[in-house]
């Protein structure tokens, strides 16, 4: 696990996808990257849901290439 004090957070309103149309939903949503964890918080008038997802290699954008002979 890396020691990283940078926190990236995105907040906004959630939506549902119906066909090719986004339909606004009630509540607020926040996504936060803290170190190697993606924390998601979804708050509505009735409940608050939180989840934590471990992530790896967030700073890596290279794709592996097959070796050629």
Protein backbone atom coordinates (compact mmCIF):
# COMPACT_ATOMS: atom_id res chain seq x y z
CA UNK A 1 0.00 0.00 0.00
CA UNK A 2 1.35 3.41 -0.92
CA UNK A 3 1.40 6.37 1.43
CA UNK A 4 -0.44 9.06 -0.50
CA UNK A 5 -2.01 12.14 1.07
CA UNK A 6 -3.65 13.33 -2.16
CA UNK A 7 -7.42 12.89 -2.18
CA UNK A 8 -9.46 13.13 -5.39
CA UNK A 9 -13.21 13.55 -4.93
CA UNK A 10 -16.07 13.85 -7.42
CA UNK A 11 -19.55 14.85 -6.23
CA UNK A 12 -22.83 15.21 -8.06
CA UNK A 13 -26.32 13.91 -8.59
CA UNK A 14 -26.85 10.28 -9.54
CA UNK A 15 -28.82 9.23 -12.61
CA UNK A 16 -30.29 6.08 -14.06
CA UNK A 17 -29.82 4.95 -17.65
CA UNK A 18 -32.96 4.09 -19.59
CA UNK A 19 -32.11 3.17 -23.15
CA UNK A 20 -29.86 5.99 -24.36
CA UNK A 21 -31.31 8.55 -21.93
CA UNK A 22 -30.02 9.59 -18.51
CA UNK A 23 -32.83 10.19 -16.02
CA UNK A 24 -31.92 12.20 -12.89
CA UNK A 25 -32.35 10.33 -9.61
CA UNK A 26 -32.83 11.69 -6.11
CA UNK A 27 -29.94 12.09 -3.74
CA UNK A 28 -26.25 12.90 -3.87
CA UNK A 29 -23.28 10.79 -4.84
CA UNK A 30 -19.59 11.15 -4.04
CA UNK A 31 -16.61 9.17 -5.31
CA UNK A 32 -13.33 9.60 -3.48
CA UNK A 33 -9.93 8.05 -4.17
CA UNK A 34 -7.84 7.82 -1.00
CA UNK A 35 -4.57 6.00 -1.46
CA UNK A 36 -5.46 2.58 -2.93
CA UNK A 37 -9.17 2.71 -2.03
CA UNK A 38 -12.16 3.97 -4.06
CA UNK A 39 -14.84 5.10 -1.60
CA UNK A 40 -18.39 5.57 -2.92
CA UNK A 41 -21.14 7.30 -0.91
CA UNK A 42 -24.74 7.49 -2.19
CA UNK A 43 -27.14 9.46 -0.01
CA UNK A 44 -30.92 9.68 -0.47
CA UNK A 45 -33.69 10.99 1.77
CA UNK A 46 -34.15 7.53 3.30
CA UNK A 47 -30.72 5.91 3.37
CA UNK A 48 -26.97 6.27 3.01
CA UNK A 49 -24.93 3.61 1.23
CA UNK A 50 -21.15 3.44 1.40
CA UNK A 51 -18.77 1.06 -0.31
CA UNK A 52 -14.99 0.68 -0.43
CA UNK A 53 -13.21 -0.93 -3.37
CA UNK A 54 -9.47 -1.64 -3.39
CA UNK A 55 -7.75 -0.48 -6.57
CA UNK A 56 -4.35 -1.31 -8.01
CA UNK A 57 -2.01 0.43 -10.45
CA UNK A 58 -4.10 3.59 -10.65
CA UNK A 59 -1.19 5.55 -12.08
CA UNK A 60 -0.37 2.96 -14.77
CA UNK A 61 -1.69 3.64 -18.28
CA UNK A 62 0.57 1.30 -20.22
CA UNK A 63 -0.92 -1.73 -21.90
CA UNK A 64 1.09 -4.88 -22.09
CA UNK A 65 2.31 -5.68 -25.58
CA UNK A 66 2.83 -9.21 -26.83
CA UNK A 67 6.47 -10.09 -27.39
CA UNK A 68 7.49 -10.62 -30.98
CA UNK A 69 10.05 -13.20 -32.07
